[in-house]
Amino acid sequence: MQDIIEMLEIVTGDTSVPKNIRKALTEARDKLKSNDEPSVKISSAVYSLDSVSEDINMPMHARTQIWTILSALEAIKTE
């Protein structure tokens, strides 16, 4: 889980990513750091990321990183 949070922080720090997307990434990171049950944390983060993953203004490298993060979260969720 810590690796996913670090990946989110890297993409959030990228100034080429639009502000609305960085906000959604920050929300997802905060949800993963919360004290909720793991399944709730992951589902909330996936929802936040999924809502911006198809944003037309997102640079391709950021989209790839978000897809990687979503895949990692889904893998954890199915364990």
N, C-alpha and C. Protein backbone atom coordinates (compact mmCIF):
# COMPACT_ATOMS: atom_id res chain seq x y z
N MET A 1 0.83 -1.19 0.00
CA MET A 1 0.00 0.00 0.00
C MET A 1 0.88 1.26 0.00
N GLN A 2 1.99 1.20 0.72
CA GLN A 2 2.88 2.37 0.79
C GLN A 2 3.46 2.70 -0.59
N ASP A 3 3.74 1.68 -1.39
CA ASP A 3 4.27 1.92 -2.74
C ASP A 3 3.26 2.67 -3.60
N ILE A 4 2.00 2.33 -3.45
CA ILE A 4 0.94 2.99 -4.21
C ILE A 4 0.82 4.45 -3.79
N ILE A 5 0.90 4.69 -2.48
CA ILE A 5 0.83 6.07 -1.97
C ILE A 5 2.01 6.89 -2.53
N GLU A 6 3.18 6.28 -2.58
CA GLU A 6 4.35 6.98 -3.13
C GLU A 6 4.18 7.28 -4.62
N MET A 7 3.60 6.34 -5.37
CA MET A 7 3.34 6.59 -6.79
C MET A 7 2.36 7.74 -6.96
N LEU A 8 1.33 7.78 -6.12
CA LEU A 8 0.36 8.88 -6.18
C LEU A 8 1.04 10.22 -5.89
N GLU A 9 1.94 10.23 -4.93
CA GLU A 9 2.64 11.47 -4.59
C GLU A 9 3.54 11.94 -5.73
N ILE A 10 4.14 11.01 -6.45
CA ILE A 10 4.98 11.38 -7.59
C ILE A 10 4.15 12.04 -8.68
N VAL A 11 3.01 11.44 -9.01
CA VAL A 11 2.16 12.01 -10.06
C VAL A 11 1.57 13.34 -9.59
N THR A 12 1.22 13.43 -8.31
CA THR A 12 0.66 14.67 -7.77
C THR A 12 1.68 15.80 -7.86
N GLY A 13 2.94 15.50 -7.70
CA GLY A 13 3.99 16.50 -7.76
C GLY A 13 4.36 16.94 -9.17
N ASP A 14 3.83 16.27 -10.17
CA ASP A 14 4.12 16.59 -11.57
C ASP A 14 3.30 17.81 -12.00
N THR A 15 3.98 18.91 -12.29
CA THR A 15 3.27 20.14 -12.64
C THR A 15 2.68 20.12 -14.04
N SER A 16 3.00 19.11 -14.85
CA SER A 16 2.38 19.02 -16.17
C SER A 16 0.99 18.41 -16.10
N VAL A 17 0.63 17.87 -14.94
CA VAL A 17 -0.70 17.29 -14.73
C VAL A 17 -1.64 18.41 -14.32
N PRO A 18 -2.82 18.51 -14.96
CA PRO A 18 -3.77 19.58 -14.61
C PRO A 18 -4.17 19.55 -13.13
N LYS A 19 -4.53 20.71 -12.64
CA LYS A 19 -4.82 20.89 -11.22
C LYS A 19 -5.98 20.01 -10.74
N ASN A 20 -7.04 19.87 -11.55
CA ASN A 20 -8.19 19.07 -11.13
C ASN A 20 -7.81 17.59 -10.97
N ILE A 21 -6.88 17.13 -11.79
CA ILE A 21 -6.43 15.74 -11.69
C ILE A 21 -5.55 15.56 -10.47
N ARG A 22 -4.67 16.53 -10.23
CA ARG A 22 -3.82 16.45 -9.03
C ARG A 22 -4.68 16.46 -7.77
N LYS A 23 -5.79 17.20 -7.79
CA LYS A 23 -6.70 17.23 -6.64
C LYS A 23 -7.31 15.84 -6.41
N ALA A 24 -7.74 15.19 -7.47
CA ALA A 24 -8.32 13.85 -7.35
C ALA A 24 -7.27 12.85 -6.87
N LEU A 25 -6.03 13.00 -7.32
CA LEU A 25 -4.96 12.12 -6.87
C LEU A 25 -4.67 12.33 -5.38
N THR A 26 -4.71 13.58 -4.95
CA THR A 26 -4.50 13.88 -3.53
C THR A 26 -5.61 13.28 -2.68
N GLU A 27 -6.85 13.38 -3.17
CA GLU A 27 -7.99 12.79 -2.45
C GLU A 27 -7.82 11.27 -2.35
N ALA A 28 -7.40 10.64 -3.43
CA ALA A 28 -7.19 9.18 -3.42
C ALA A 28 -6.09 8.81 -2.42
N ARG A 29 -5.01 9.58 -2.41
CA ARG A 29 -3.91 9.32 -1.47
C ARG A 29 -4.40 9.47 -0.03
N ASP A 30 -5.17 10.52 0.24
CA ASP A 30 -5.69 10.74 1.59
C ASP A 30 -6.62 9.61 2.02
N LYS A 31 -7.41 9.09 1.08
CA LYS A 31 -8.32 7.98 1.40
C LYS A 31 -7.52 6.73 1.74
N LEU A 32 -6.42 6.51 1.03
CA LEU A 32 -5.58 5.34 1.31
C LEU A 32 -4.88 5.46 2.66
N LYS A 33 -4.63 6.69 3.10
CA LYS A 33 -3.98 6.90 4.39
C LYS A 33 -4.96 6.93 5.56
N SER A 34 -6.26 6.90 5.27
CA SER A 34 -7.27 7.00 6.32
C SER A 34 -7.29 5.75 7.20
N ASN A 35 -8.07 5.81 8.26
CA ASN A 35 -8.16 4.69 9.20
C ASN A 35 -9.33 3.76 8.91
N ASP A 36 -9.92 3.87 7.74
CA ASP A 36 -11.03 3.01 7.37
C ASP A 36 -10.54 1.58 7.11
N GLU A 37 -11.51 0.70 6.91
CA GLU A 37 -11.16 -0.68 6.55
C GLU A 37 -10.44 -0.68 5.21
N PRO A 38 -9.52 -1.61 5.00
CA PRO A 38 -8.77 -1.64 3.74
C PRO A 38 -9.66 -1.68 2.49
N SER A 39 -10.72 -2.46 2.52
CA SER A 39 -11.58 -2.55 1.34
C SER A 39 -12.27 -1.22 1.05
N VAL A 40 -12.64 -0.49 2.09
CA VAL A 40 -13.28 0.81 1.92
C VAL A 40 -12.28 1.82 1.38
N LYS A 41 -11.06 1.80 1.92
CA LYS A 41 -10.02 2.71 1.46
C LYS A 41 -9.72 2.50 -0.02
N ILE A 42 -9.57 1.25 -0.40
CA ILE A 42 -9.22 0.93 -1.78
C ILE A 42 -10.36 1.30 -2.73
N SER A 43 -11.59 0.96 -2.35
CA SER A 43 -12.73 1.29 -3.21
C SER A 43 -12.88 2.79 -3.41
N SER A 44 -12.69 3.55 -2.34
CA SER A 44 -12.79 5.00 -2.43
C SER A 44 -11.70 5.57 -3.32
N ALA A 45 -10.49 5.06 -3.18
CA ALA A 45 -9.38 5.54 -4.00
C ALA A 45 -9.60 5.19 -5.47
N VAL A 46 -10.07 3.98 -5.73
CA VAL A 46 -10.34 3.56 -7.11
C VAL A 46 -11.39 4.46 -7.74
N TYR A 47 -12.42 4.78 -6.98
CA TYR A 47 -13.49 5.64 -7.48
C TYR A 47 -12.93 7.02 -7.86
N SER A 48 -12.08 7.59 -7.00
CA SER A 48 -11.50 8.90 -7.28
C SER A 48 -10.60 8.86 -8.52
N LEU A 49 -9.80 7.83 -8.62
CA LEU A 49 -8.88 7.72 -9.76
C LEU A 49 -9.61 7.40 -11.05
N ASP A 50 -10.61 6.56 -10.97
CA ASP A 50 -11.36 6.18 -12.16
C ASP A 50 -12.07 7.38 -12.78
N SER A 51 -12.51 8.30 -11.92
CA SER A 51 -13.24 9.46 -12.42
C SER A 51 -12.37 10.38 -13.27
N VAL A 52 -11.05 10.38 -13.05
CA VAL A 52 -10.16 11.26 -13.82
C VAL A 52 -9.27 10.50 -14.80
N SER A 53 -9.32 9.18 -14.79
CA SER A 53 -8.38 8.41 -15.63
C SER A 53 -8.60 8.62 -17.12
N GLU A 54 -9.76 9.06 -17.51
CA GLU A 54 -10.05 9.28 -18.94
C GLU A 54 -10.10 10.76 -19.30
N ASP A 55 -9.62 11.62 -18.42
CA ASP A 55 -9.63 13.07 -18.68
C ASP A 55 -8.83 13.37 -19.93
N ILE A 56 -9.42 14.14 -20.80
CA ILE A 56 -8.81 14.46 -22.09
C ILE A 56 -7.55 15.32 -21.96
N ASN A 57 -7.46 16.08 -20.88
CA ASN A 57 -6.33 16.99 -20.71
C ASN A 57 -5.12 16.36 -20.01
N MET A 58 -5.24 15.10 -19.65
CA MET A 58 -4.15 14.45 -18.92
C MET A 58 -3.03 14.05 -19.87
N PRO A 59 -1.78 14.35 -19.48
CA PRO A 59 -0.65 13.90 -20.29
C PRO A 59 -0.60 12.36 -20.31
N MET A 60 -0.12 11.81 -21.40
CA MET A 60 -0.12 10.35 -21.57
C MET A 60 0.70 9.64 -20.49
N HIS A 61 1.83 10.22 -20.09
CA HIS A 61 2.65 9.55 -19.07
C HIS A 61 1.91 9.48 -17.73
N ALA A 62 1.13 10.49 -17.41
CA ALA A 62 0.36 10.48 -16.16
C ALA A 62 -0.77 9.46 -16.25
N ARG A 63 -1.40 9.37 -17.41
CA ARG A 63 -2.48 8.39 -17.60
C ARG A 63 -1.95 6.97 -17.39
N THR A 64 -0.77 6.70 -17.93
CA THR A 64 -0.15 5.38 -17.77
C THR A 64 0.12 5.08 -16.30
N GLN A 65 0.62 6.08 -15.58
CA GLN A 65 0.90 5.89 -14.15
C GLN A 65 -0.40 5.65 -13.37
N ILE A 66 -1.45 6.37 -13.72
CA ILE A 66 -2.73 6.18 -13.02
C ILE A 66 -3.27 4.79 -13.30
N TRP A 67 -3.15 4.32 -14.54
CA TRP A 67 -3.60 2.96 -14.85
C TRP A 67 -2.80 1.93 -14.07
N THR A 68 -1.51 2.16 -13.90
CA THR A 68 -0.67 1.26 -13.11
C THR A 68 -1.14 1.24 -11.66
N ILE A 69 -1.43 2.42 -11.12
CA ILE A 69 -1.92 2.52 -9.74
C ILE A 69 -3.26 1.81 -9.59
N LEU A 70 -4.16 2.02 -10.55
CA LEU A 70 -5.47 1.36 -10.50
C LEU A 70 -5.31 -0.17 -10.55
N SER A 71 -4.41 -0.65 -11.38
CA SER A 71 -4.17 -2.10 -11.48
C SER A 71 -3.64 -2.65 -10.16
N ALA A 72 -2.74 -1.92 -9.53
CA ALA A 72 -2.18 -2.36 -8.24
C ALA A 72 -3.27 -2.38 -7.17
N LEU A 73 -4.13 -1.36 -7.17
CA LEU A 73 -5.23 -1.32 -6.18
C LEU A 73 -6.21 -2.47 -6.40
N GLU A 74 -6.52 -2.75 -7.65
CA GLU A 74 -7.44 -3.84 -7.96
C GLU A 74 -6.82 -5.18 -7.55
N ALA A 75 -5.53 -5.34 -7.73
CA ALA A 75 -4.85 -6.58 -7.32
C ALA A 75 -4.93 -6.76 -5.81
N ILE A 76 -4.74 -5.69 -5.06
CA ILE A 76 -4.85 -5.77 -3.61
C ILE A 76 -6.28 -6.07 -3.19
N LYS A 77 -7.22 -5.46 -3.88
CA LYS A 77 -8.63 -5.62 -3.55
C LYS A 77 -9.10 -7.07 -3.72
N THR A 78 -8.56 -7.77 -4.70
CA THR A 78 -8.99 -9.14 -4.96
C THR A 78 -8.28 -10.18 -4.09
N GLU A 79 -7.28 -9.75 -3.34
CA GLU A 79 -6.54 -10.70 -2.47
C GLU A 79 -7.39 -11.10 -1.29
